[in-house]
Amino acid sequence: MNPSPAAHLNWSAEALWQELEPLLPGLSIEVLARCGSTNTELLERLRQSGDEHASGASSARGQARRSHDLQPCLLVAEHQTQGRGRMGRSWIASPGASLTFSLALPMALADTAGLSLAVGTVLADALEPPTEGALRIGLKWPNDLWLDGRKLGGILIETVPTGGQRMVIIGIGLNILAEGKPVEGHAFATGFASLDELYPGISAPRALALLARPLVSLLAGYAAQGLAPQLPAYQRRDLLRGQLISAGGLEGLGAGVNAEGELLMQTGSGAPQVISGGEVTVRFAPEEPH
């Protein structure tokens, strides 16, 4: 556990580490008062470790640092100044208005197509208020969380080979407060949502406390189980199912996702088209509340 002394909020990092480390042995937790991008920071560390490994660097200090960098790490930034989303978009947030963190860990995965869907599902389940009404948090393939038809947060997953294994970095950004909303390119004509609409007075540390254990529990077993355990829950929150969407040059109705996490689009009377990547534009019918 390695919280930064410059952090200003009370993240209860020691208690969080004690809760999570048994689920993810070797985990460290770092909290930075300011960071360009938590994903980029972890990528740079891993790439540097990989370069030293490839060059045969053998100093005791270098070996210790490489060993540390290849262990699971949860990196939190109170103020992320150069956050990144999909398609090269930026994620800009004022201090305290968002929760921005990344988790790096070794994972033996053939691909990560379904991982963002599984992560989004456990995050949505952890954040959904325990009521018997309609679900308020929806999921937009492949990596967005929406609240009442407006974007609440996003997920960015990146991988890097290093030290003879593949490290996966899961970056998460959530709007916490109504003011200082992030801006990501021009993708948000529908507006923003913030977590304080569900939990008035919530803070970024409290949001992390709600999310961290479900996320780590998912990742500890994902390599063996894949998306399958989360697929039914994802389908209940799927915002694209039955909606008119476009992807690339195709247009049709969202028809759910398959077991690999790929988007299905019904374009005619035949089998659905499989969409494995790229930008998806959602066009809701005028009578829809979105």
C-alpha atoms as a PDB file:
ATOM      1  CA  MET A   1       0.000   0.000   0.000  1.00  0.00           C
ATOM      2  CA  ASN A   2       1.592   3.266  -1.144  1.00  0.00           C
ATOM      3  CA  PRO A   3      -0.714   6.302  -0.866  1.00  0.00           C
ATOM      4  CA  SER A   4       0.815   9.594  -1.963  1.00  0.00           C
ATOM      5  CA  PRO A   5       1.376  12.116   0.862  1.00  0.00           C
ATOM      6  CA  ALA A   6       0.155  14.820  -1.539  1.00  0.00           C
ATOM      7  CA  ALA A   7      -3.379  13.421  -1.673  1.00  0.00           C
ATOM      8  CA  HIS A   8      -5.997  15.748  -0.181  1.00  0.00           C
ATOM      9  CA  LEU A   9      -9.127  13.618   0.164  1.00  0.00           C
ATOM     10  CA  ASN A  10      -9.502  10.855   2.714  1.00  0.00           C
ATOM     11  CA  TRP A  11      -9.301   7.714   0.585  1.00  0.00           C
ATOM     12  CA  SER A  12      -8.880   5.275   3.509  1.00  0.00           C
ATOM     13  CA  ALA A  13      -6.212   3.594   1.385  1.00  0.00           C
ATOM     14  CA  GLU A  14      -4.935   1.357   4.181  1.00  0.00           C
ATOM     15  CA  ALA A  15      -8.390  -0.072   4.892  1.00  0.00           C
ATOM     16  CA  LEU A  16      -9.060  -0.451   1.164  1.00  0.00           C
ATOM     17  CA  TRP A  17      -5.772  -2.302   0.679  1.00  0.00           C
ATOM     18  CA  GLN A  18      -6.542  -4.664   3.563  1.00  0.00           C
ATOM     19  CA  GLU A  19      -9.887  -5.470   1.954  1.00  0.00           C
ATOM     20  CA  LEU A  20      -8.584  -5.986  -1.589  1.00  0.00           C
ATOM     21  CA  GLU A  21      -5.128  -7.516  -1.245  1.00  0.00           C
ATOM     22  CA  PRO A  22      -6.381 -10.992  -0.209  1.00  0.00           C
ATOM     23  CA  LEU A  23      -8.432 -11.050  -3.433  1.00  0.00           C
ATOM     24  CA  LEU A  24      -5.536  -9.802  -5.565  1.00  0.00           C
ATOM     25  CA  PRO A  25      -2.254 -10.788  -3.870  1.00  0.00           C
ATOM     26  CA  GLY A  26       0.603  -8.360  -4.339  1.00  0.00           C
ATOM     27  CA  LEU A  27      -1.736  -5.417  -4.928  1.00  0.00           C
ATOM     28  CA  SER A  28      -0.492  -1.915  -4.204  1.00  0.00           C
ATOM     29  CA  ILE A  29      -2.652   1.222  -3.958  1.00  0.00           C
ATOM     30  CA  GLU A  30      -1.373   4.659  -4.888  1.00  0.00           C
ATOM     31  CA  VAL A  31      -3.243   7.955  -4.654  1.00  0.00           C
ATOM     32  CA  LEU A  32      -1.878  10.947  -6.564  1.00  0.00           C
ATOM     33  CA  ALA A  33      -3.074  14.493  -6.019  1.00  0.00           C
ATOM     34  CA  ARG A  34      -2.493  15.233  -9.712  1.00  0.00           C
ATOM     35  CA  CYS A  35      -1.786  13.076 -12.743  1.00  0.00           C
ATOM     36  CA  GLY A  36      -1.991  13.456 -16.495  1.00  0.00           C
ATOM     37  CA  SER A  37      -3.668  10.068 -17.035  1.00  0.00           C
ATOM     38  CA  THR A  38      -3.700   7.099 -14.701  1.00  0.00           C
ATOM     39  CA  ASN A  39      -3.735   4.698 -17.675  1.00  0.00           C
ATOM     40  CA  THR A  40      -0.796   6.471 -19.291  1.00  0.00           C
ATOM     41  CA  GLU A  41       1.153   6.523 -16.025  1.00  0.00           C
ATOM     42  CA  LEU A  42       0.793   2.764 -15.583  1.00  0.00           C
ATOM     43  CA  LEU A  43       1.536   2.093 -19.263  1.00  0.00           C
ATOM     44  CA  GLU A  44       4.758   4.105 -19.042  1.00  0.00           C
ATOM     45  CA  ARG A  45       5.884   2.202 -15.965  1.00  0.00           C
ATOM     46  CA  LEU A  46       5.189  -1.139 -17.599  1.00  0.00           C
ATOM     47  CA  ARG A  47       6.858  -0.222 -20.876  1.00  0.00           C
ATOM     48  CA  GLN A  48       9.942   1.017 -19.062  1.00  0.00           C
ATOM     49  CA  SER A  49      10.082  -2.205 -17.073  1.00  0.00           C
ATOM     50  CA  GLY A  50       9.723  -4.178 -20.294  1.00  0.00           C
ATOM     51  CA  ASP A  51      12.527  -2.206 -21.954  1.00  0.00           C
ATOM     52  CA  GLU A  52      14.849  -2.853 -19.020  1.00  0.00           C
ATOM     53  CA  HIS A  53      13.963  -6.535 -19.065  1.00  0.00           C
ATOM     54  CA  ALA A  54      14.676  -6.764 -22.800  1.00  0.00           C
ATOM     55  CA  SER A  55      18.002  -4.930 -22.445  1.00  0.00           C
ATOM     56  CA  GLY A  56      19.125  -7.237 -19.653  1.00  0.00           C
ATOM     57  CA  ALA A  57      19.356  -4.580 -16.963  1.00  0.00           C
ATOM     58  CA  SER A  58      20.498  -6.488 -13.888  1.00  0.00           C
ATOM     59  CA  SER A  59      21.010  -4.019 -11.058  1.00  0.00           C
ATOM     60  CA  ALA A  60      19.342  -4.940  -7.789  1.00  0.00           C
ATOM     61  CA  ARG A  61      17.440  -1.654  -7.873  1.00  0.00           C
ATOM     62  CA  GLY A  62      16.252  -2.258 -11.419  1.00  0.00           C
ATOM     63  CA  GLN A  63      15.163  -5.798 -10.655  1.00  0.00           C
ATOM     64  CA  ALA A  64      13.215  -4.669  -7.585  1.00  0.00           C
ATOM     65  CA  ARG A  65      11.444  -1.921  -9.515  1.00  0.00           C
ATOM     66  CA  ARG A  66      10.594  -4.226 -12.414  1.00  0.00           C
ATOM     67  CA  SER A  67       9.191  -6.779 -10.001  1.00  0.00           C
ATOM     68  CA  HIS A  68       7.059  -4.105  -8.318  1.00  0.00           C
ATOM     69  CA  ASP A  69       5.740  -2.717 -11.614  1.00  0.00           C
ATOM     70  CA  LEU A  70       4.566  -6.172 -12.714  1.00  0.00           C
ATOM     71  CA  GLN A  71       2.424  -6.580  -9.599  1.00  0.00           C
ATOM     72  CA  PRO A  72      -1.229  -5.455  -9.531  1.00  0.00           C
ATOM     73  CA  CYS A  73      -1.560  -1.725  -8.906  1.00  0.00           C
ATOM     74  CA  LEU A  74      -4.591   0.468  -8.250  1.00  0.00           C
ATOM     75  CA  LEU A  75      -3.687   4.054  -9.169  1.00  0.00           C
ATOM     76  CA  VAL A  76      -6.074   6.892  -8.259  1.00  0.00           C
ATOM     77  CA  ALA A  77      -5.782  10.520  -9.359  1.00  0.00           C
ATOM     78  CA  GLU A  78      -7.649  13.230  -7.491  1.00  0.00           C
ATOM     79  CA  HIS A  79      -7.133  15.524 -10.482  1.00  0.00           C
ATOM     80  CA  GLN A  80      -6.574  13.934 -13.881  1.00  0.00           C
ATOM     81  CA  THR A  81      -5.476  16.565 -16.389  1.00  0.00           C
ATOM     82  CA  GLN A  82      -4.974  14.543 -19.583  1.00  0.00           C
ATOM     83  CA  GLY A  83      -7.388  11.646 -19.246  1.00  0.00           C
ATOM     84  CA  ARG A  84      -8.137   9.593 -22.336  1.00  0.00           C
ATOM     85  CA  GLY A  85     -11.275   7.906 -23.645  1.00  0.00           C
ATOM     86  CA  ARG A  86     -11.888   5.697 -26.657  1.00  0.00           C
ATOM     87  CA  MET A  87     -11.084   6.896 -30.172  1.00  0.00           C
ATOM     88  CA  GLY A  88      -8.451   9.305 -28.804  1.00  0.00           C
ATOM     89  CA  ARG A  89     -10.929  11.566 -27.027  1.00  0.00           C
ATOM     90  CA  SER A  90      -9.907  13.487 -23.934  1.00  0.00           C
ATOM     91  CA  TRP A  91     -11.475  13.167 -20.481  1.00  0.00           C
ATOM     92  CA  ILE A  92     -11.106  16.440 -18.585  1.00  0.00           C
ATOM     93  CA  ALA A  93     -12.370  16.858 -15.026  1.00  0.00           C
ATOM     94  CA  SER A  94     -12.021  19.451 -12.304  1.00  0.00           C
ATOM     95  CA  PRO A  95     -10.579  18.228  -8.968  1.00  0.00           C
ATOM     96  CA  GLY A  96     -13.095  16.351  -6.855  1.00  0.00           C
ATOM     97  CA  ALA A  97     -15.793  16.349  -9.548  1.00  0.00           C
ATOM     98  CA  SER A  98     -14.879  12.900 -10.891  1.00  0.00           C
ATOM     99  CA  LEU A  99     -13.490   9.567  -9.800  1.00  0.00           C
ATOM    100  CA  THR A 100     -10.584   8.616 -12.068  1.00  0.00           C
ATOM    101  CA  PHE A 101      -8.510   5.514 -11.459  1.00  0.00           C
ATOM    102  CA  SER A 102      -6.813   2.626 -13.225  1.00  0.00           C
ATOM    103  CA  LEU A 103      -6.095  -0.924 -12.179  1.00  0.00           C
ATOM    104  CA  ALA A 104      -3.196  -2.818 -13.765  1.00  0.00           C
ATOM    105  CA  LEU A 105      -2.786  -6.558 -13.334  1.00  0.00           C
ATOM    106  CA  PRO A 106      -1.443  -9.575 -15.220  1.00  0.00           C
ATOM    107  CA  MET A 107      -4.166 -11.445 -17.112  1.00  0.00           C
ATOM    108  CA  ALA A 108      -3.859 -14.323 -19.562  1.00  0.00           C
ATOM    109  CA  LEU A 109      -6.478 -13.308 -22.128  1.00  0.00           C
ATOM    110  CA  ALA A 110      -6.714 -14.171 -25.809  1.00  0.00           C
ATOM    111  CA  ASP A 111      -8.589 -10.876 -26.287  1.00  0.00           C
ATOM    112  CA  THR A 112     -10.356  -8.287 -24.140  1.00  0.00           C
ATOM    113  CA  ALA A 113     -13.523  -7.888 -26.225  1.00  0.00           C
ATOM    114  CA  GLY A 114     -15.875  -8.829 -23.407  1.00  0.00           C
ATOM    115  CA  LEU A 115     -13.885  -7.376 -20.526  1.00  0.00           C
ATOM    116  CA  SER A 116     -15.220  -3.816 -20.741  1.00  0.00           C
ATOM    117  CA  LEU A 117     -18.782  -5.197 -20.787  1.00  0.00           C
ATOM    118  CA  ALA A 118     -18.118  -7.313 -17.704  1.00  0.00           C
ATOM    119  CA  VAL A 119     -16.459  -4.390 -15.915  1.00  0.00           C
ATOM    120  CA  GLY A 120     -19.315  -2.049 -16.817  1.00  0.00           C
ATOM    121  CA  THR A 121     -21.848  -4.573 -15.548  1.00  0.00           C
ATOM    122  CA  VAL A 122     -20.267  -5.016 -12.122  1.00  0.00           C
ATOM    123  CA  LEU A 123     -19.829  -1.251 -11.774  1.00  0.00           C
ATOM    124  CA  ALA A 124     -23.474  -0.640 -12.660  1.00  0.00           C
ATOM    125  CA  ASP A 125     -24.637  -3.359 -10.273  1.00  0.00           C
ATOM    126  CA  ALA A 126     -22.511  -1.877  -7.479  1.00  0.00           C
ATOM    127  CA  LEU A 127     -23.851   1.645  -8.060  1.00  0.00           C
ATOM    128  CA  GLU A 128     -27.523   0.873  -8.694  1.00  0.00           C
ATOM    129  CA  PRO A 129     -29.625   1.888  -5.668  1.00  0.00           C
ATOM    130  CA  PRO A 130     -31.340  -1.089  -3.992  1.00  0.00           C
ATOM    131  CA  THR A 131     -34.886  -0.381  -5.156  1.00  0.00           C
ATOM    132  CA  GLU A 132     -37.521  -2.487  -6.858  1.00  0.00           C
ATOM    133  CA  GLY A 133     -38.167   0.025  -9.620  1.00  0.00           C
ATOM    134  CA  ALA A 134     -36.744   0.156 -13.132  1.00  0.00           C
ATOM    135  CA  LEU A 135     -32.968   0.099 -13.486  1.00  0.00           C
ATOM    136  CA  ARG A 136     -31.580   3.609 -13.773  1.00  0.00           C
ATOM    137  CA  ILE A 137     -28.029   2.762 -14.845  1.00  0.00           C
ATOM    138  CA  GLY A 138     -27.715   1.462 -18.404  1.00  0.00           C
ATOM    139  CA  LEU A 139     -24.761   0.253 -20.455  1.00  0.00           C
ATOM    140  CA  LYS A 140     -23.889   1.469 -23.949  1.00  0.00           C
ATOM    141  CA  TRP A 141     -21.646  -0.924 -25.844  1.00  0.00           C
ATOM    142  CA  PRO A 142     -18.750  -1.184 -25.524  1.00  0.00           C
ATOM    143  CA  ASN A 143     -17.636   0.925 -22.576  1.00  0.00           C
ATOM    144  CA  ASP A 144     -20.094   3.566 -21.305  1.00  0.00           C
ATOM    145  CA  LEU A 145     -22.305   3.794 -18.229  1.00  0.00           C
ATOM    146  CA  TRP A 146     -25.395   5.982 -18.549  1.00  0.00           C
ATOM    147  CA  LEU A 147     -27.741   7.236 -15.856  1.00  0.00           C
ATOM    148  CA  ASP A 148     -31.301   8.149 -16.865  1.00  0.00           C
ATOM    149  CA  GLY A 149     -30.264   8.510 -20.500  1.00  0.00           C
ATOM    150  CA  ARG A 150     -27.124  10.609 -19.920  1.00  0.00           C
ATOM    151  CA  LYS A 151     -23.496   9.560 -19.748  1.00  0.00           C
ATOM    152  CA  LEU A 152     -22.258   8.807 -16.243  1.00  0.00           C
ATOM    153  CA  GLY A 153     -18.854   7.314 -16.938  1.00  0.00           C
ATOM    154  CA  GLY A 154     -16.607   5.319 -19.198  1.00  0.00           C
ATOM    155  CA  ILE A 155     -14.093   2.489 -19.266  1.00  0.00           C
ATOM    156  CA  LEU A 156     -10.811   2.327 -21.195  1.00  0.00           C
ATOM    157  CA  ILE A 157      -8.959  -1.002 -21.387  1.00  0.00           C
ATOM    158  CA  GLU A 158      -5.406  -1.265 -22.699  1.00  0.00           C
ATOM    159  CA  THR A 159      -2.855  -4.076 -22.699  1.00  0.00           C
ATOM    160  CA  VAL A 160       0.910  -4.240 -22.844  1.00  0.00           C
ATOM    161  CA  PRO A 161       3.255  -7.268 -23.006  1.00  0.00           C
ATOM    162  CA  THR A 162       6.076  -7.044 -20.482  1.00  0.00           C
ATOM    163  CA  GLY A 163       8.248  -9.388 -18.467  1.00  0.00           C
ATOM    164  CA  GLY A 164       7.040 -12.451 -20.354  1.00  0.00           C
ATOM    165  CA  GLN A 165       3.391 -11.806 -19.551  1.00  0.00           C
ATOM    166  CA  ARG A 166       0.543  -9.517 -20.608  1.00  0.00           C
ATOM    167  CA  MET A 167      -0.573  -6.746 -18.311  1.00  0.00           C
ATOM    168  CA  VAL A 168      -4.101  -5.385 -18.611  1.00  0.00           C
ATOM    169  CA  ILE A 169      -4.910  -1.819 -17.538  1.00  0.00           C
ATOM    170  CA  ILE A 170      -8.543  -0.961 -16.790  1.00  0.00           C
ATOM    171  CA  GLY A 171      -9.148   2.779 -16.613  1.00  0.00           C
ATOM    172  CA  ILE A 172     -12.412   4.071 -15.150  1.00  0.00           C
ATOM    173  CA  GLY A 173     -13.834   7.575 -15.045  1.00  0.00           C
ATOM    174  CA  LEU A 174     -17.091   8.496 -13.327  1.00  0.00           C
ATOM    175  CA  ASN A 175     -18.817  11.870 -12.949  1.00  0.00           C
ATOM    176  CA  ILE A 176     -19.314  12.404  -9.222  1.00  0.00           C
ATOM    177  CA  LEU A 177     -20.558  15.983  -8.863  1.00  0.00           C
ATOM    178  CA  ALA A 178     -22.908  18.004 -11.028  1.00  0.00           C
ATOM    179  CA  GLU A 179     -20.393  20.800 -11.563  1.00  0.00           C
ATOM    180  CA  GLY A 180     -17.206  20.442 -13.567  1.00  0.00           C
ATOM    181  CA  LYS A 181     -18.474  17.714 -15.867  1.00  0.00           C
ATOM    182  CA  PRO A 182     -15.867  16.046 -18.118  1.00  0.00           C
ATOM    183  CA  VAL A 183     -15.899  16.821 -21.838  1.00  0.00           C
ATOM    184  CA  GLU A 184     -14.983  14.070 -24.295  1.00  0.00           C
ATOM    185  CA  GLY A 185     -14.751  15.357 -27.846  1.00  0.00           C
ATOM    186  CA  HIS A 186     -18.173  16.087 -29.321  1.00  0.00           C
ATOM    187  CA  ALA A 187     -19.865  12.844 -28.299  1.00  0.00           C
ATOM    188  CA  PHE A 188     -22.215  14.101 -25.625  1.00  0.00           C
ATOM    189  CA  ALA A 189     -25.138  15.820 -27.274  1.00  0.00           C
ATOM    190  CA  THR A 190     -27.327  13.940 -24.785  1.00  0.00           C
ATOM    191  CA  GLY A 191     -25.656  15.621 -21.790  1.00  0.00           C
ATOM    192  CA  PHE A 192     -24.080  14.300 -18.625  1.00  0.00           C
ATOM    193  CA  ALA A 193     -25.161  12.587 -15.460  1.00  0.00           C
ATOM    194  CA  SER A 194     -23.409  12.543 -12.092  1.00  0.00           C
ATOM    195  CA  LEU A 195     -23.400  10.055  -9.259  1.00  0.00           C
ATOM    196  CA  ASP A 196     -24.646  12.611  -6.745  1.00  0.00           C
ATOM    197  CA  GLU A 197     -28.032  12.356  -8.489  1.00  0.00           C
ATOM    198  CA  LEU A 198     -28.263   8.850  -7.026  1.00  0.00           C
ATOM    199  CA  TYR A 199     -26.355   9.488  -3.802  1.00  0.00           C
ATOM    200  CA  PRO A 200     -26.535  13.141  -2.702  1.00  0.00           C
ATOM    201  CA  GLY A 201     -23.324  14.212  -1.023  1.00  0.00           C
ATOM    202  CA  ILE A 202     -21.266  11.276  -2.296  1.00  0.00           C
ATOM    203  CA  SER A 203     -17.518  11.802  -2.702  1.00  0.00           C
ATOM    204  CA  ALA A 204     -14.982  10.218  -5.032  1.00  0.00           C
ATOM    205  CA  PRO A 205     -13.435   8.140  -2.190  1.00  0.00           C
ATOM    206  CA  ARG A 206     -16.855   6.835  -1.189  1.00  0.00           C
ATOM    207  CA  ALA A 207     -17.603   5.903  -4.800  1.00  0.00           C
ATOM    208  CA  LEU A 208     -14.300   4.017  -5.023  1.00  0.00           C
ATOM    209  CA  ALA A 209     -15.175   2.144  -1.829  1.00  0.00           C
ATOM    210  CA  LEU A 210     -18.456   1.031  -3.447  1.00  0.00           C
ATOM    211  CA  LEU A 211     -16.757  -0.140  -6.639  1.00  0.00           C
ATOM    212  CA  ALA A 212     -13.382  -1.539  -5.692  1.00  0.00           C
ATOM    213  CA  ARG A 213     -14.305  -4.913  -4.194  1.00  0.00           C
ATOM    214  CA  PRO A 214     -16.806  -5.941  -6.922  1.00  0.00           C
ATOM    215  CA  LEU A 215     -14.290  -4.892  -9.592  1.00  0.00           C
ATOM    216  CA  VAL A 216     -11.365  -6.779  -8.054  1.00  0.00           C
ATOM    217  CA  SER A 217     -13.541  -9.848  -7.449  1.00  0.00           C
ATOM    218  CA  LEU A 218     -14.526  -9.849 -11.120  1.00  0.00           C
ATOM    219  CA  LEU A 219     -10.966  -9.512 -12.360  1.00  0.00           C
ATOM    220  CA  ALA A 220      -9.650 -12.240 -10.070  1.00  0.00           C
ATOM    221  CA  GLY A 221     -11.790 -14.802 -11.908  1.00  0.00           C
ATOM    222  CA  TYR A 222     -12.303 -13.281 -15.345  1.00  0.00           C
ATOM    223  CA  ALA A 223      -9.509 -15.132 -17.154  1.00  0.00           C
ATOM    224  CA  ALA A 224     -11.129 -18.447 -16.256  1.00  0.00           C
ATOM    225  CA  GLN A 225     -14.807 -17.488 -16.593  1.00  0.00           C
ATOM    226  CA  GLY A 226     -14.934 -14.724 -19.200  1.00  0.00           C
ATOM    227  CA  LEU A 227     -18.054 -12.657 -19.815  1.00  0.00           C
ATOM    228  CA  ALA A 228     -20.555 -15.490 -19.286  1.00  0.00           C
ATOM    229  CA  PRO A 229     -21.385 -14.863 -15.588  1.00  0.00           C
ATOM    230  CA  GLN A 230     -22.129 -11.168 -16.266  1.00  0.00           C
ATOM    231  CA  LEU A 231     -23.882 -11.589 -19.629  1.00  0.00           C
ATOM    232  CA  PRO A 232     -27.471 -11.871 -18.292  1.00  0.00           C
ATOM    233  CA  ALA A 233     -26.978  -8.789 -16.098  1.00  0.00           C
ATOM    234  CA  TYR A 234     -25.463  -6.887 -19.031  1.00  0.00           C
ATOM    235  CA  GLN A 235     -28.443  -7.759 -21.206  1.00  0.00           C
ATOM    236  CA  ARG A 236     -30.822  -6.259 -18.635  1.00  0.00           C
ATOM    237  CA  ARG A 237     -28.954  -2.951 -18.866  1.00  0.00           C
ATOM    238  CA  ASP A 238     -28.238  -2.968 -22.621  1.00  0.00           C
ATOM    239  CA  LEU A 239     -29.221   0.470 -23.948  1.00  0.00           C
ATOM    240  CA  LEU A 240     -28.709  -0.456 -27.602  1.00  0.00           C
ATOM    241  CA  ARG A 241     -31.037  -3.451 -27.771  1.00  0.00           C
ATOM    242  CA  GLY A 242     -34.009  -2.565 -29.971  1.00  0.00           C
ATOM    243  CA  GLN A 243     -32.664   0.912 -30.746  1.00  0.00           C
ATOM    244  CA  LEU A 244     -31.780   2.276 -34.179  1.00  0.00           C
ATOM    245  CA  ILE A 245     -27.978   2.435 -34.366  1.00  0.00           C
ATOM    246  CA  SER A 246     -25.238   2.850 -36.926  1.00  0.00           C
ATOM    247  CA  ALA A 247     -21.719   1.446 -36.949  1.00  0.00           C
ATOM    248  CA  GLY A 248     -19.388   2.141 -39.817  1.00  0.00           C
ATOM    249  CA  GLY A 249     -21.520   1.931 -42.947  1.00  0.00           C
ATOM    250  CA  LEU A 250     -24.184  -0.262 -41.356  1.00  0.00           C
ATOM    251  CA  GLU A 251     -27.523   0.738 -39.889  1.00  0.00           C
ATOM    252  CA  GLY A 252     -30.006  -1.412 -38.056  1.00  0.00           C
ATOM    253  CA  LEU A 253     -31.507  -2.322 -34.709  1.00  0.00           C
ATOM    254  CA  GLY A 254     -29.370  -3.270 -31.751  1.00  0.00           C
ATOM    255  CA  ALA A 255     -29.812  -7.014 -31.156  1.00  0.00           C
ATOM    256  CA  GLY A 256     -27.772  -7.468 -27.998  1.00  0.00           C
ATOM    257  CA  VAL A 257     -24.262  -8.888 -27.672  1.00  0.00           C
ATOM    258  CA  ASN A 258     -22.821 -12.358 -28.131  1.00  0.00           C
ATOM    259  CA  ALA A 259     -20.815 -14.453 -25.666  1.00  0.00           C
ATOM    260  CA  GLU A 260     -17.585 -12.828 -26.843  1.00  0.00           C
ATOM    261  CA  GLY A 261     -18.863  -9.327 -26.117  1.00  0.00           C
ATOM    262  CA  GLU A 262     -19.363  -8.325 -29.746  1.00  0.00           C
ATOM    263  CA  LEU A 263     -22.310  -6.136 -30.700  1.00  0.00           C
ATOM    264  CA  LEU A 264     -25.114  -7.668 -32.765  1.00  0.00           C
ATOM    265  CA  MET A 265     -27.047  -5.538 -35.259  1.00  0.00           C
ATOM    266  CA  GLN A 266     -30.193  -6.635 -37.065  1.00  0.00           C
ATOM    267  CA  THR A 267     -30.048  -5.127 -40.558  1.00  0.00           C
ATOM    268  CA  GLY A 268     -32.631  -7.332 -42.294  1.00  0.00           C
ATOM    269  CA  SER A 269     -34.412 -10.645 -42.034  1.00  0.00           C
ATOM    270  CA  GLY A 270     -31.238 -12.728 -41.824  1.00  0.00           C
ATOM    271  CA  ALA A 271     -28.771 -13.356 -39.035  1.00  0.00           C
ATOM    272  CA  PRO A 272     -27.565 -10.263 -37.139  1.00  0.00           C
ATOM    273  CA  GLN A 273     -24.373  -8.535 -38.224  1.00  0.00           C
ATOM    274  CA  VAL A 274     -21.483  -8.836 -35.759  1.00  0.00           C
ATOM    275  CA  ILE A 275     -19.725  -5.583 -34.812  1.00  0.00           C
ATOM    276  CA  SER A 276     -16.402  -6.051 -33.079  1.00  0.00           C
ATOM    277  CA  GLY A 277     -15.137  -2.484 -32.847  1.00  0.00           C
ATOM    278  CA  GLY A 278     -15.411   1.093 -33.989  1.00  0.00           C
ATOM    279  CA  GLU A 279     -17.756   3.913 -33.120  1.00  0.00           C
ATOM    280  CA  VAL A 280     -21.456   3.237 -32.586  1.00  0.00           C
ATOM    281  CA  THR A 281     -23.973   6.047 -32.938  1.00  0.00           C
ATOM    282  CA  VAL A 282     -27.256   5.654 -31.085  1.00  0.00           C
ATOM    283  CA  ARG A 283     -30.366   7.286 -32.545  1.00  0.00           C
ATOM    284  CA  PHE A 284     -33.288   7.022 -30.151  1.00  0.00           C
ATOM    285  CA  ALA A 285     -36.820   7.359 -31.419  1.00  0.00           C
ATOM    286  CA  PRO A 286     -38.433  10.756 -30.577  1.00  0.00           C
ATOM    287  CA  GLU A 287     -40.847   9.234 -28.066  1.00  0.00           C
ATOM    288  CA  GLU A 288     -38.045   7.618 -26.075  1.00  0.00           C
ATOM    289  CA  PRO A 289     -37.135   9.350 -22.790  1.00  0.00           C
ATOM    290  CA  HIS A 290     -33.467   9.412 -23.790  1.00  0.00           C
END
